Amino acid sequence: MWLDLSPLRKYPAFRNLYLGQLVSVLGSSLTFVALPYHIYAKTHSTVSVGLMGVIQLIPLAITGFYGGLLADAGNRVKLIIRCEAALALLCFLYPYATLTDSVLPCFIFAGVFSALMGIHRPALESLTPRLIEADDIPKISALSGFRGTFAHVIGPTIGGILVARYGVRGAFWVDGTSYLVSILFLARVVEPVRAVAVVRPSFAGMIEGMRYAVSDPVILGSYLVDIAAMLFCFPMALYPALAEGWGGPRAL
């Protein structure tokens, strides 16, 4: 069955959001290749590459809940734009980390990048249903799944080529540019006016969200399965070391 593209024609706001995020996710896929490669090139340690994942997990777990509160309390489009502007700035600044032999800037970048994504993702995911009709959600889900799969297959391939030809700096500069392109699309998206009262973000609200997540067996189960898969079944930390013996960045 062919992918149904009718929602892209039916909903101009969703189309702009979709195309912007397609570019953005492609750019982020470059970072997913370049950052572990850069850490391994500095340390030649798969433990250091794996430690990057731990450093990313902690801020993501914290800001993910708070990001949901911010999305509920304010304008989601503006929140996404601010996050992507910060991510673009971060990507443009990261090449300066290549000027030092210390791995500390790499870990700082990984933590801050993950924290920003924790704020960005809830606003993005909760914005989409507000731009479409409920009957079109299955079609939208298929389009979103295709976008993610396409970006995560093609993006790392492009990332390897960029790192091989232009180095880590080139990959991050392209990623930063992808966020700027995404912002141009987002600037054309208008979020519908809310019909419910706005609740200001608070620590109590974040705790309430955590309690709800833990109390719901389906949500908790999905979290635990995903965490187990990422920790024990996804050998990304080994990729740079394997690629070193197979041809470097292009093999990666």
Foldseek 3Di string as FASTA:
>chain_A
DDQDPVVLVVFVLVVLLLVLVLLLLLLVLLVLQLLLLLLCVLPVDLVSSVVLVVLLVVLLVVLLLLLLLVLLFDPLLVLLLVLLLVLLVLLLPLVVVVVDSDCVSSSVSSNVNSNSVSNNVNSSVVQVPQRDDPVCVVSVVVSVVVSNVVSNVVSLLVSLVCCVPPNSSRSSNSSSVSSVSSNVSSVPRDGDDDPDDRDHDDPVSSVVVVVVQVPDCVNVVVVVVVVCCVNPPDSSSCQQVVVVVVPGSNSD
